[in-house]
Amino acid sequence: MSRRWAIFLITSANFFLSQFYRATNAVIADQLLSDLSLDTKGLGTVSAAFFYAFSITQIPISMLLDRIGPRLMMTGLSLVGIAGAIIFAGSDSLQMGVLARILLGVGMACNLMGTLKLLTTWFPPTVFATLSGIVFSIGTLGNMAATVPMVLLVELVGWRQAFMLIAGVNLILVMALWLIVRDTPPDLSHKNFAEPSEPPSSALSGLLAL
């Protein structure tokens, strides 16, 4: 398998997990209400923490992804997400649950845009639409995996151990990402893609204009 297809599979798998994490609370709601001593308002707060953190993190990602590169961004943020999954597995209160879901939201925030960025550097423009469509389809499978498969796993090992197992799979993927993924093919200039000529102030002014 060529490196570019390995990159496609690894980064798509990370996006799969991003979609999986965001939907899991719905199927373990009863356990969270009991084990974290939550009411329905608290459960909503814990669940929403992921989405707020995820959306807010898009702002710095939009300014840093080209400058730092998707490999480093995706690796670093994914490690934050893994920490969030582990903390979530050990949560026993509203505060810990919210913290864990915030870390998960931040940690998963770059998995889509980082993947799309890598598609633009490793594949020709003529296949970008097709490959990005496949990536989104893989993400949909992640949402589906958070339903019946997650329920079966929770029934087998419990929701806390389920999150620990998923965090372990996530860590393996991140290690593969760091070892295999490169921001650009060796025959392309790294500077053209990872070091934009515009100063950081231009990115900030553009954000303010938006």
N, C-alpha and C. Protein backbone atom coordinates (compact mmCIF):
# COMPACT_ATOMS: atom_id res chain seq x y z
N MET A 1 0.85 -1.19 0.00
CA MET A 1 0.00 0.00 0.00
C MET A 1 0.89 1.25 0.00
N SER A 2 0.56 2.21 -0.87
CA SER A 2 1.34 3.43 -0.92
C SER A 2 1.07 4.26 0.33
N ARG A 3 2.00 5.17 0.62
CA ARG A 3 1.86 6.00 1.82
C ARG A 3 0.59 6.84 1.77
N ARG A 4 0.23 7.35 0.61
CA ARG A 4 -0.93 8.24 0.56
C ARG A 4 -2.22 7.52 0.93
N TRP A 5 -2.34 6.24 0.55
CA TRP A 5 -3.55 5.50 0.92
C TRP A 5 -3.51 5.10 2.39
N ALA A 6 -2.33 4.86 2.91
CA ALA A 6 -2.21 4.61 4.36
C ALA A 6 -2.63 5.85 5.13
N ILE A 7 -2.20 7.02 4.66
CA ILE A 7 -2.59 8.28 5.29
C ILE A 7 -4.11 8.45 5.23
N PHE A 8 -4.69 8.15 4.09
CA PHE A 8 -6.14 8.26 3.94
C PHE A 8 -6.87 7.36 4.94
N LEU A 9 -6.43 6.12 5.07
CA LEU A 9 -7.09 5.18 5.98
C LEU A 9 -6.93 5.58 7.44
N ILE A 10 -5.72 5.98 7.83
CA ILE A 10 -5.47 6.33 9.22
C ILE A 10 -6.26 7.57 9.63
N THR A 11 -6.21 8.59 8.79
CA THR A 11 -6.91 9.84 9.15
C THR A 11 -8.42 9.65 9.09
N SER A 12 -8.90 8.84 8.16
CA SER A 12 -10.34 8.56 8.10
C SER A 12 -10.78 7.80 9.34
N ALA A 13 -9.95 6.90 9.82
CA ALA A 13 -10.27 6.16 11.04
C ALA A 13 -10.33 7.10 12.24
N ASN A 14 -9.47 8.09 12.26
CA ASN A 14 -9.54 9.08 13.34
C ASN A 14 -10.83 9.89 13.28
N PHE A 15 -11.27 10.22 12.07
CA PHE A 15 -12.55 10.92 11.93
C PHE A 15 -13.71 10.03 12.34
N PHE A 16 -13.61 8.75 12.04
CA PHE A 16 -14.59 7.76 12.51
C PHE A 16 -14.74 7.85 14.03
N LEU A 17 -13.61 7.88 14.74
CA LEU A 17 -13.66 7.95 16.20
C LEU A 17 -14.23 9.28 16.68
N SER A 18 -13.93 10.35 15.96
CA SER A 18 -14.49 11.65 16.32
C SER A 18 -16.01 11.61 16.31
N GLN A 19 -16.57 11.04 15.25
CA GLN A 19 -18.02 10.93 15.15
C GLN A 19 -18.58 9.94 16.18
N PHE A 20 -17.81 8.92 16.47
CA PHE A 20 -18.23 7.94 17.47
C PHE A 20 -18.33 8.57 18.85
N TYR A 21 -17.29 9.29 19.24
CA TYR A 21 -17.26 9.91 20.56
C TYR A 21 -18.44 10.87 20.77
N ARG A 22 -18.75 11.63 19.73
CA ARG A 22 -19.77 12.67 19.91
C ARG A 22 -21.16 12.09 20.15
N ALA A 23 -21.39 10.84 19.71
CA ALA A 23 -22.72 10.26 19.81
C ALA A 23 -22.89 9.28 20.96
N THR A 24 -21.83 8.96 21.67
CA THR A 24 -21.90 7.88 22.64
C THR A 24 -22.78 8.19 23.85
N ASN A 25 -22.84 9.45 24.25
CA ASN A 25 -23.61 9.77 25.46
C ASN A 25 -25.07 9.37 25.35
N ALA A 26 -25.60 9.38 24.16
CA ALA A 26 -27.02 9.07 23.99
C ALA A 26 -27.34 7.63 24.40
N VAL A 27 -26.41 6.71 24.16
CA VAL A 27 -26.71 5.30 24.43
C VAL A 27 -26.31 4.88 25.84
N ILE A 28 -25.57 5.73 26.55
CA ILE A 28 -25.21 5.40 27.94
C ILE A 28 -25.82 6.42 28.90
N ALA A 29 -26.89 7.08 28.45
CA ALA A 29 -27.49 8.14 29.26
C ALA A 29 -27.94 7.63 30.62
N ASP A 30 -28.56 6.47 30.67
CA ASP A 30 -29.05 5.94 31.95
C ASP A 30 -27.90 5.69 32.92
N GLN A 31 -26.81 5.12 32.40
CA GLN A 31 -25.64 4.86 33.25
C GLN A 31 -25.02 6.17 33.75
N LEU A 32 -24.97 7.18 32.90
CA LEU A 32 -24.39 8.47 33.30
C LEU A 32 -25.26 9.13 34.37
N LEU A 33 -26.56 9.08 34.21
CA LEU A 33 -27.45 9.65 35.22
C LEU A 33 -27.21 9.03 36.58
N SER A 34 -26.97 7.73 36.58
CA SER A 34 -26.78 7.01 37.85
C SER A 34 -25.36 7.17 38.38
N ASP A 35 -24.37 6.89 37.55
CA ASP A 35 -22.99 6.81 38.03
C ASP A 35 -22.37 8.18 38.30
N LEU A 36 -22.83 9.22 37.61
CA LEU A 36 -22.31 10.56 37.83
C LEU A 36 -23.25 11.40 38.68
N SER A 37 -24.30 10.78 39.18
CA SER A 37 -25.30 11.46 40.03
C SER A 37 -25.84 12.72 39.34
N LEU A 38 -26.29 12.56 38.10
CA LEU A 38 -26.77 13.68 37.31
C LEU A 38 -28.29 13.72 37.28
N ASP A 39 -28.82 14.93 37.04
CA ASP A 39 -30.21 15.04 36.62
C ASP A 39 -30.19 15.25 35.10
N THR A 40 -31.36 15.42 34.50
CA THR A 40 -31.39 15.55 33.05
C THR A 40 -30.68 16.82 32.57
N LYS A 41 -30.74 17.88 33.36
CA LYS A 41 -30.02 19.10 33.01
C LYS A 41 -28.52 18.86 33.02
N GLY A 42 -28.03 18.15 34.03
CA GLY A 42 -26.61 17.85 34.09
C GLY A 42 -26.17 16.97 32.94
N LEU A 43 -27.01 16.00 32.57
CA LEU A 43 -26.69 15.14 31.43
C LEU A 43 -26.58 15.96 30.15
N GLY A 44 -27.50 16.91 29.99
CA GLY A 44 -27.43 17.78 28.82
C GLY A 44 -26.17 18.62 28.81
N THR A 45 -25.75 19.09 29.99
CA THR A 45 -24.53 19.89 30.08
C THR A 45 -23.30 19.06 29.72
N VAL A 46 -23.23 17.85 30.24
CA VAL A 46 -22.10 16.96 29.92
C VAL A 46 -22.05 16.67 28.43
N SER A 47 -23.20 16.40 27.85
CA SER A 47 -23.24 16.07 26.42
C SER A 47 -22.88 17.27 25.56
N ALA A 48 -23.39 18.46 25.95
CA ALA A 48 -23.15 19.66 25.15
C ALA A 48 -21.71 20.13 25.24
N ALA A 49 -21.01 19.79 26.32
CA ALA A 49 -19.63 20.26 26.50
C ALA A 49 -18.75 19.86 25.32
N PHE A 50 -18.97 18.65 24.80
CA PHE A 50 -18.19 18.19 23.64
C PHE A 50 -18.38 19.13 22.47
N PHE A 51 -19.62 19.48 22.17
CA PHE A 51 -19.92 20.26 20.97
C PHE A 51 -19.44 21.70 21.10
N TYR A 52 -19.59 22.30 22.27
CA TYR A 52 -19.09 23.66 22.47
C TYR A 52 -17.57 23.70 22.31
N ALA A 53 -16.89 22.76 22.94
CA ALA A 53 -15.43 22.73 22.84
C ALA A 53 -14.98 22.47 21.41
N PHE A 54 -15.66 21.55 20.76
CA PHE A 54 -15.35 21.20 19.37
C PHE A 54 -15.47 22.41 18.46
N SER A 55 -16.57 23.15 18.60
CA SER A 55 -16.82 24.28 17.70
C SER A 55 -15.87 25.44 17.98
N ILE A 56 -15.62 25.75 19.23
CA ILE A 56 -14.72 26.86 19.57
C ILE A 56 -13.30 26.56 19.09
N THR A 57 -12.89 25.31 19.18
CA THR A 57 -11.53 24.93 18.78
C THR A 57 -11.31 25.09 17.29
N GLN A 58 -12.39 25.13 16.50
CA GLN A 58 -12.22 25.32 15.06
C GLN A 58 -11.55 26.65 14.73
N ILE A 59 -11.72 27.65 15.60
CA ILE A 59 -11.16 28.98 15.31
C ILE A 59 -9.62 28.95 15.31
N PRO A 60 -8.98 28.48 16.38
CA PRO A 60 -7.50 28.41 16.29
C PRO A 60 -7.02 27.40 15.26
N ILE A 61 -7.79 26.31 15.08
CA ILE A 61 -7.38 25.32 14.07
C ILE A 61 -7.30 25.96 12.70
N SER A 62 -8.28 26.82 12.39
CA SER A 62 -8.31 27.45 11.07
C SER A 62 -7.08 28.32 10.82
N MET A 63 -6.50 28.86 11.88
CA MET A 63 -5.34 29.73 11.73
C MET A 63 -4.01 28.97 11.87
N LEU A 64 -4.05 27.80 12.51
CA LEU A 64 -2.80 27.10 12.82
C LEU A 64 -2.54 25.89 11.92
N LEU A 65 -3.58 25.36 11.29
CA LEU A 65 -3.42 24.10 10.55
C LEU A 65 -2.39 24.23 9.44
N ASP A 66 -2.45 25.32 8.68
CA ASP A 66 -1.48 25.50 7.59
C ASP A 66 -0.08 25.80 8.12
N ARG A 67 0.01 26.45 9.28
CA ARG A 67 1.31 26.87 9.79
C ARG A 67 2.03 25.74 10.52
N ILE A 68 1.30 24.97 11.28
CA ILE A 68 1.92 23.90 12.07
C ILE A 68 1.92 22.59 11.29
N GLY A 69 0.89 22.39 10.48
CA GLY A 69 0.79 21.16 9.70
C GLY A 69 -0.17 20.17 10.33
N PRO A 70 -0.90 19.42 9.52
CA PRO A 70 -1.91 18.50 10.06
C PRO A 70 -1.34 17.36 10.90
N ARG A 71 -0.14 16.89 10.57
CA ARG A 71 0.42 15.76 11.34
C ARG A 71 0.58 16.12 12.80
N LEU A 72 1.21 17.25 13.08
CA LEU A 72 1.45 17.65 14.45
C LEU A 72 0.14 18.06 15.13
N MET A 73 -0.71 18.78 14.41
CA MET A 73 -1.97 19.22 14.99
C MET A 73 -2.86 18.03 15.36
N MET A 74 -2.99 17.09 14.43
CA MET A 74 -3.87 15.94 14.67
C MET A 74 -3.32 15.05 15.78
N THR A 75 -2.00 14.88 15.81
CA THR A 75 -1.40 14.05 16.84
C THR A 75 -1.58 14.68 18.23
N GLY A 76 -1.22 15.95 18.33
CA GLY A 76 -1.31 16.63 19.62
C GLY A 76 -2.72 16.70 20.16
N LEU A 77 -3.66 17.10 19.30
CA LEU A 77 -5.04 17.21 19.77
C LEU A 77 -5.65 15.85 20.06
N SER A 78 -5.28 14.84 19.28
CA SER A 78 -5.81 13.49 19.55
C SER A 78 -5.36 12.98 20.91
N LEU A 79 -4.14 13.31 21.31
CA LEU A 79 -3.67 12.92 22.64
C LEU A 79 -4.52 13.59 23.73
N VAL A 80 -4.92 14.84 23.48
CA VAL A 80 -5.83 15.52 24.40
C VAL A 80 -7.16 14.77 24.47
N GLY A 81 -7.66 14.34 23.31
CA GLY A 81 -8.89 13.57 23.28
C GLY A 81 -8.80 12.25 24.01
N ILE A 82 -7.67 11.57 23.87
CA ILE A 82 -7.47 10.31 24.58
C ILE A 82 -7.49 10.54 26.08
N ALA A 83 -6.83 11.61 26.52
CA ALA A 83 -6.87 11.95 27.94
C ALA A 83 -8.30 12.19 28.39
N GLY A 84 -9.09 12.86 27.54
CA GLY A 84 -10.49 13.09 27.86
C GLY A 84 -11.27 11.81 27.99
N ALA A 85 -11.02 10.84 27.10
CA ALA A 85 -11.73 9.56 27.17
C ALA A 85 -11.38 8.81 28.45
N ILE A 86 -10.12 8.87 28.84
CA ILE A 86 -9.69 8.18 30.07
C ILE A 86 -10.32 8.84 31.30
N ILE A 87 -10.30 10.17 31.32
CA ILE A 87 -10.91 10.89 32.44
C ILE A 87 -12.41 10.60 32.49
N PHE A 88 -13.04 10.57 31.32
CA PHE A 88 -14.48 10.29 31.27
C PHE A 88 -14.79 8.91 31.84
N ALA A 89 -13.92 7.94 31.54
CA ALA A 89 -14.12 6.59 32.05
C ALA A 89 -14.06 6.55 33.58
N GLY A 90 -13.33 7.48 34.18
CA GLY A 90 -13.22 7.51 35.63
C GLY A 90 -14.07 8.57 36.30
N SER A 91 -14.93 9.23 35.53
CA SER A 91 -15.73 10.33 36.07
C SER A 91 -16.75 9.84 37.09
N ASP A 92 -16.94 10.65 38.14
CA ASP A 92 -17.96 10.33 39.13
C ASP A 92 -18.76 11.56 39.54
N SER A 93 -18.65 12.63 38.75
CA SER A 93 -19.37 13.86 39.08
C SER A 93 -19.63 14.65 37.82
N LEU A 94 -20.49 15.64 37.93
CA LEU A 94 -20.79 16.52 36.81
C LEU A 94 -19.53 17.23 36.34
N GLN A 95 -18.74 17.73 37.28
CA GLN A 95 -17.56 18.51 36.92
C GLN A 95 -16.55 17.68 36.13
N MET A 96 -16.31 16.45 36.59
CA MET A 96 -15.37 15.59 35.87
C MET A 96 -15.91 15.21 34.49
N GLY A 97 -17.21 14.96 34.43
CA GLY A 97 -17.81 14.62 33.16
C GLY A 97 -17.70 15.75 32.15
N VAL A 98 -17.95 16.97 32.60
CA VAL A 98 -17.84 18.13 31.71
C VAL A 98 -16.40 18.33 31.26
N LEU A 99 -15.45 18.24 32.20
CA LEU A 99 -14.04 18.39 31.84
C LEU A 99 -13.63 17.35 30.80
N ALA A 100 -14.04 16.11 31.03
CA ALA A 100 -13.67 15.03 30.11
C ALA A 100 -14.24 15.27 28.72
N ARG A 101 -15.49 15.69 28.65
CA ARG A 101 -16.12 15.92 27.35
C ARG A 101 -15.53 17.15 26.65
N ILE A 102 -15.10 18.14 27.42
CA ILE A 102 -14.41 19.28 26.82
C ILE A 102 -13.10 18.83 26.18
N LEU A 103 -12.35 18.01 26.90
CA LEU A 103 -11.09 17.50 26.34
C LEU A 103 -11.35 16.64 25.10
N LEU A 104 -12.42 15.87 25.13
CA LEU A 104 -12.76 15.07 23.96
C LEU A 104 -13.13 15.96 22.77
N GLY A 105 -13.90 17.01 23.04
CA GLY A 105 -14.27 17.92 21.96
C GLY A 105 -13.07 18.61 21.34
N VAL A 106 -12.17 19.09 22.19
CA VAL A 106 -10.94 19.71 21.70
C VAL A 106 -10.09 18.69 20.94
N GLY A 107 -9.99 17.50 21.50
CA GLY A 107 -9.13 16.48 20.91
C GLY A 107 -9.59 15.98 19.56
N MET A 108 -10.89 15.98 19.33
CA MET A 108 -11.42 15.48 18.05
C MET A 108 -11.62 16.59 17.02
N ALA A 109 -11.32 17.83 17.39
CA ALA A 109 -11.70 18.97 16.55
C ALA A 109 -10.96 19.05 15.22
N CYS A 110 -9.77 18.46 15.15
CA CYS A 110 -8.96 18.61 13.94
C CYS A 110 -9.06 17.41 13.00
N ASN A 111 -9.78 16.39 13.40
CA ASN A 111 -9.74 15.15 12.63
C ASN A 111 -10.38 15.26 11.25
N LEU A 112 -11.37 16.12 11.09
CA LEU A 112 -11.96 16.31 9.76
C LEU A 112 -11.12 17.26 8.93
N MET A 113 -10.86 18.46 9.45
CA MET A 113 -10.15 19.45 8.65
C MET A 113 -8.72 19.01 8.37
N GLY A 114 -8.10 18.34 9.34
CA GLY A 114 -6.76 17.82 9.10
C GLY A 114 -6.74 16.79 7.99
N THR A 115 -7.75 15.91 7.99
CA THR A 115 -7.85 14.90 6.94
C THR A 115 -8.05 15.56 5.57
N LEU A 116 -8.96 16.53 5.50
CA LEU A 116 -9.19 17.21 4.22
C LEU A 116 -7.95 17.94 3.75
N LYS A 117 -7.21 18.53 4.68
CA LYS A 117 -5.97 19.21 4.32
C LYS A 117 -4.97 18.23 3.70
N LEU A 118 -4.85 17.06 4.30
CA LEU A 118 -3.93 16.05 3.76
C LEU A 118 -4.38 15.55 2.39
N LEU A 119 -5.68 15.48 2.17
CA LEU A 119 -6.17 15.07 0.86
C LEU A 119 -5.72 16.05 -0.22
N THR A 120 -5.67 17.34 0.13
CA THR A 120 -5.28 18.34 -0.87
C THR A 120 -3.80 18.27 -1.22
N THR A 121 -2.98 17.73 -0.33
CA THR A 121 -1.54 17.68 -0.61
C THR A 121 -1.09 16.33 -1.14
N TRP A 122 -1.82 15.27 -0.82
CA TRP A 122 -1.40 13.93 -1.22
C TRP A 122 -2.14 13.38 -2.44
N PHE A 123 -3.24 14.00 -2.81
CA PHE A 123 -4.04 13.50 -3.93
C PHE A 123 -4.31 14.62 -4.92
N PRO A 124 -4.50 14.28 -6.20
CA PRO A 124 -4.80 15.31 -7.20
C PRO A 124 -6.18 15.91 -6.96
N PRO A 125 -6.39 17.15 -7.38
CA PRO A 125 -7.68 17.83 -7.16
C PRO A 125 -8.86 17.10 -7.77
N THR A 126 -8.63 16.32 -8.82
CA THR A 126 -9.73 15.64 -9.51
C THR A 126 -10.42 14.58 -8.66
N VAL A 127 -9.75 14.10 -7.60
CA VAL A 127 -10.36 13.05 -6.77
C VAL A 127 -10.74 13.58 -5.39
N PHE A 128 -10.56 14.88 -5.16
CA PHE A 128 -10.84 15.42 -3.82
C PHE A 128 -12.31 15.24 -3.44
N ALA A 129 -13.22 15.55 -4.33
CA ALA A 129 -14.65 15.43 -4.01
C ALA A 129 -15.02 13.99 -3.66
N THR A 130 -14.52 13.06 -4.44
CA THR A 130 -14.83 11.64 -4.19
C THR A 130 -14.28 11.19 -2.85
N LEU A 131 -13.01 11.50 -2.59
CA LEU A 131 -12.39 11.06 -1.35
C LEU A 131 -13.00 11.74 -0.13
N SER A 132 -13.32 13.02 -0.24
CA SER A 132 -13.93 13.70 0.90
C SER A 132 -15.32 13.12 1.17
N GLY A 133 -16.04 12.74 0.11
CA GLY A 133 -17.32 12.07 0.30
C GLY A 133 -17.18 10.76 1.03
N ILE A 134 -16.12 10.00 0.70
CA ILE A 134 -15.87 8.74 1.39
C ILE A 134 -15.53 8.99 2.86
N VAL A 135 -14.76 10.04 3.12
CA VAL A 135 -14.42 10.39 4.50
C VAL A 135 -15.68 10.67 5.30
N PHE A 136 -16.59 11.45 4.73
CA PHE A 136 -17.84 11.75 5.43
C PHE A 136 -18.67 10.48 5.64
N SER A 137 -18.63 9.57 4.69
CA SER A 137 -19.35 8.31 4.85
C SER A 137 -18.76 7.48 5.99
N ILE A 138 -17.43 7.48 6.09
CA ILE A 138 -16.78 6.78 7.20
C ILE A 138 -17.17 7.42 8.53
N GLY A 139 -17.27 8.74 8.55
CA GLY A 139 -17.74 9.41 9.75
C GLY A 139 -19.15 9.00 10.13
N THR A 140 -20.02 8.83 9.14
CA THR A 140 -21.37 8.36 9.40
C THR A 140 -21.36 6.97 10.02
N LEU A 141 -20.44 6.13 9.57
CA LEU A 141 -20.29 4.81 10.18
C LEU A 141 -19.90 4.93 11.65
N GLY A 142 -19.11 5.97 11.97
CA GLY A 142 -18.76 6.21 13.37
C GLY A 142 -19.98 6.51 14.21
N ASN A 143 -20.89 7.32 13.66
CA ASN A 143 -22.15 7.59 14.36
C ASN A 143 -22.95 6.31 14.56
N MET A 144 -22.96 5.48 13.54
CA MET A 144 -23.71 4.22 13.62
C MET A 144 -23.09 3.26 14.65
N ALA A 145 -21.76 3.28 14.72
CA ALA A 145 -21.07 2.41 15.67
C ALA A 145 -21.36 2.80 17.12
N ALA A 146 -21.79 4.05 17.32
CA ALA A 146 -22.11 4.52 18.67
C ALA A 146 -23.51 4.11 19.10
N THR A 147 -24.20 3.32 18.28
CA THR A 147 -25.54 2.87 18.63
C THR A 147 -25.50 1.42 19.09
N VAL A 148 -25.98 0.50 18.28
CA VAL A 148 -26.05 -0.91 18.69
C VAL A 148 -24.69 -1.50 19.06
N PRO A 149 -23.63 -1.30 18.25
CA PRO A 149 -22.33 -1.85 18.66
C PRO A 149 -21.87 -1.34 20.02
N MET A 150 -22.07 -0.05 20.28
CA MET A 150 -21.68 0.50 21.58
C MET A 150 -22.52 -0.10 22.69
N VAL A 151 -23.81 -0.26 22.45
CA VAL A 151 -24.67 -0.88 23.46
C VAL A 151 -24.19 -2.28 23.79
N LEU A 152 -23.85 -3.06 22.78
CA LEU A 152 -23.38 -4.43 23.00
C LEU A 152 -22.07 -4.44 23.78
N LEU A 153 -21.16 -3.50 23.43
CA LEU A 153 -19.89 -3.43 24.14
C LEU A 153 -20.10 -3.04 25.59
N VAL A 154 -21.00 -2.08 25.84
CA VAL A 154 -21.29 -1.65 27.20
C VAL A 154 -21.90 -2.79 28.01
N GLU A 155 -22.79 -3.56 27.40
CA GLU A 155 -23.38 -4.70 28.09
C GLU A 155 -22.34 -5.76 28.42
N LEU A 156 -21.30 -5.83 27.58
CA LEU A 156 -20.27 -6.85 27.77
C LEU A 156 -19.26 -6.46 28.85
N VAL A 157 -18.80 -5.21 28.83
CA VAL A 157 -17.70 -4.83 29.73
C VAL A 157 -18.04 -3.63 30.62
N GLY A 158 -19.18 -2.98 30.40
CA GLY A 158 -19.50 -1.77 31.15
C GLY A 158 -19.04 -0.54 30.39
N TRP A 159 -19.70 0.60 30.65
CA TRP A 159 -19.38 1.80 29.86
C TRP A 159 -18.00 2.36 30.17
N ARG A 160 -17.55 2.21 31.40
CA ARG A 160 -16.22 2.74 31.74
C ARG A 160 -15.12 1.96 31.02
N GLN A 161 -15.19 0.65 31.08
CA GLN A 161 -14.19 -0.16 30.37
C GLN A 161 -14.30 0.02 28.87
N ALA A 162 -15.52 0.23 28.38
CA ALA A 162 -15.70 0.47 26.95
C ALA A 162 -14.92 1.71 26.51
N PHE A 163 -14.99 2.77 27.30
CA PHE A 163 -14.25 3.98 26.95
C PHE A 163 -12.75 3.77 27.07
N MET A 164 -12.31 2.96 28.01
CA MET A 164 -10.89 2.67 28.12
C MET A 164 -10.40 1.89 26.89
N LEU A 165 -11.21 0.95 26.44
CA LEU A 165 -10.84 0.18 25.25
C LEU A 165 -10.78 1.08 24.01
N ILE A 166 -11.75 1.97 23.89
CA ILE A 166 -11.77 2.88 22.75
C ILE A 166 -10.57 3.83 22.80
N ALA A 167 -10.24 4.29 24.00
CA ALA A 167 -9.06 5.14 24.15
C ALA A 167 -7.80 4.40 23.72
N GLY A 168 -7.73 3.11 24.03
CA GLY A 168 -6.58 2.31 23.60
C GLY A 168 -6.49 2.21 22.09
N VAL A 169 -7.63 1.98 21.44
CA VAL A 169 -7.65 1.94 19.97
C VAL A 169 -7.24 3.30 19.41
N ASN A 170 -7.75 4.36 20.02
CA ASN A 170 -7.41 5.71 19.62
C ASN A 170 -5.90 5.95 19.71
N LEU A 171 -5.28 5.47 20.79
CA LEU A 171 -3.85 5.65 20.96
C LEU A 171 -3.06 4.92 19.88
N ILE A 172 -3.49 3.72 19.52
CA ILE A 172 -2.82 2.98 18.45
C ILE A 172 -2.90 3.75 17.14
N LEU A 173 -4.07 4.32 16.85
CA LEU A 173 -4.24 5.11 15.63
C LEU A 173 -3.35 6.35 15.64
N VAL A 174 -3.23 6.99 16.80
CA VAL A 174 -2.40 8.19 16.88
C VAL A 174 -0.93 7.83 16.68
N MET A 175 -0.49 6.71 17.23
CA MET A 175 0.88 6.27 17.01
C MET A 175 1.13 6.00 15.53
N ALA A 176 0.17 5.35 14.87
CA ALA A 176 0.30 5.10 13.44
C ALA A 176 0.31 6.41 12.66
N LEU A 177 -0.52 7.36 13.09
CA LEU A 177 -0.56 8.66 12.43
C LEU A 177 0.81 9.34 12.50
N TRP A 178 1.39 9.34 13.69
CA TRP A 178 2.68 10.02 13.86
C TRP A 178 3.78 9.34 13.05
N LEU A 179 3.75 8.02 12.98
CA LEU A 179 4.81 7.28 12.30
C LEU A 179 4.68 7.32 10.79
N ILE A 180 3.47 7.36 10.28
CA ILE A 180 3.25 7.19 8.84
C ILE A 180 2.90 8.49 8.13
N VAL A 181 2.08 9.31 8.76
CA VAL A 181 1.58 10.51 8.09
C VAL A 181 2.68 11.56 7.95
N ARG A 182 2.75 12.18 6.80
CA ARG A 182 3.61 13.34 6.55
C ARG A 182 2.73 14.43 5.94
N ASP A 183 3.06 15.68 6.22
CA ASP A 183 2.22 16.77 5.76
C ASP A 183 2.16 16.88 4.24
N THR A 184 3.28 16.59 3.58
CA THR A 184 3.33 16.68 2.12
C THR A 184 4.17 15.54 1.56
N PRO A 185 3.92 15.15 0.32
CA PRO A 185 4.79 14.17 -0.34
C PRO A 185 6.21 14.70 -0.44
N PRO A 186 7.20 13.81 -0.52
CA PRO A 186 8.60 14.26 -0.53
C PRO A 186 8.96 15.08 -1.76
N ASP A 187 8.19 14.97 -2.84
CA ASP A 187 8.54 15.71 -4.05
C ASP A 187 7.90 17.09 -4.10
N LEU A 188 7.22 17.49 -3.01
CA LEU A 188 6.63 18.82 -2.95
C LEU A 188 7.32 19.64 -1.87
N SER A 189 7.31 20.94 -2.05
CA SER A 189 7.93 21.83 -1.07
C SER A 189 7.06 21.97 0.15
N HIS A 190 7.62 21.66 1.30
CA HIS A 190 6.88 21.80 2.56
C HIS A 190 6.48 23.25 2.80
N LYS A 191 7.34 24.15 2.40
CA LYS A 191 7.08 25.57 2.65
C LYS A 191 5.82 26.04 1.95
N ASN A 192 5.55 25.49 0.78
CA ASN A 192 4.38 25.93 0.03
C ASN A 192 3.08 25.64 0.77
N PHE A 193 3.07 24.61 1.60
CA PHE A 193 1.83 24.18 2.22
C PHE A 193 1.77 24.48 3.70
N ALA A 194 2.86 24.44 4.39
CA ALA A 194 2.82 24.55 5.85
C ALA A 194 3.28 25.90 6.37
N GLU A 195 3.82 26.74 5.48
CA GLU A 195 4.30 28.03 5.93
C GLU A 195 3.75 29.12 5.02
N PRO A 196 2.50 29.52 5.21
CA PRO A 196 1.91 30.55 4.36
C PRO A 196 2.72 31.85 4.45
N SER A 197 2.70 32.59 3.36
CA SER A 197 3.49 33.82 3.33
C SER A 197 2.83 34.93 4.13
N GLU A 198 1.50 34.85 4.35
CA GLU A 198 0.82 35.90 5.09
C GLU A 198 1.24 35.87 6.55
N PRO A 199 1.42 37.04 7.16
CA PRO A 199 1.75 37.08 8.59
C PRO A 199 0.55 36.67 9.43
N PRO A 200 0.78 36.26 10.68
CA PRO A 200 -0.34 35.85 11.54
C PRO A 200 -1.40 36.93 11.69
N SER A 201 -1.00 38.21 11.62
CA SER A 201 -1.97 39.29 11.75
C SER A 201 -3.02 39.25 10.65
N SER A 202 -2.63 38.76 9.46
CA SER A 202 -3.59 38.67 8.36
C SER A 202 -4.67 37.66 8.66
N ALA A 203 -4.28 36.53 9.27
CA ALA A 203 -5.26 35.52 9.62
C ALA A 203 -6.22 36.06 10.68
N LEU A 204 -5.67 36.82 11.62
CA LEU A 204 -6.52 37.38 12.69
C LEU A 204 -7.47 38.42 12.14
N SER A 205 -6.98 39.27 11.24
CA SER A 205 -7.85 40.29 10.65
C SER A 205 -8.94 39.65 9.81
N GLY A 206 -8.59 38.55 9.12
CA GLY A 206 -9.60 37.84 8.35
C GLY A 206 -10.66 37.23 9.23
N LEU A 207 -10.24 36.71 10.39
CA LEU A 207 -11.20 36.14 11.34
C LEU A 207 -12.13 37.21 11.87
N LEU A 208 -11.57 38.39 12.20
CA LEU A 208 -12.39 39.49 12.69
C LEU A 208 -13.37 39.96 11.64
N ALA A 209 -12.94 39.99 10.38
CA ALA A 209 -13.84 40.39 9.31
C ALA A 209 -14.99 39.41 9.16
N LEU A 210 -14.66 38.11 9.29
CA LEU A 210 -15.68 37.08 9.22
C LEU A 210 -16.68 37.21 10.37
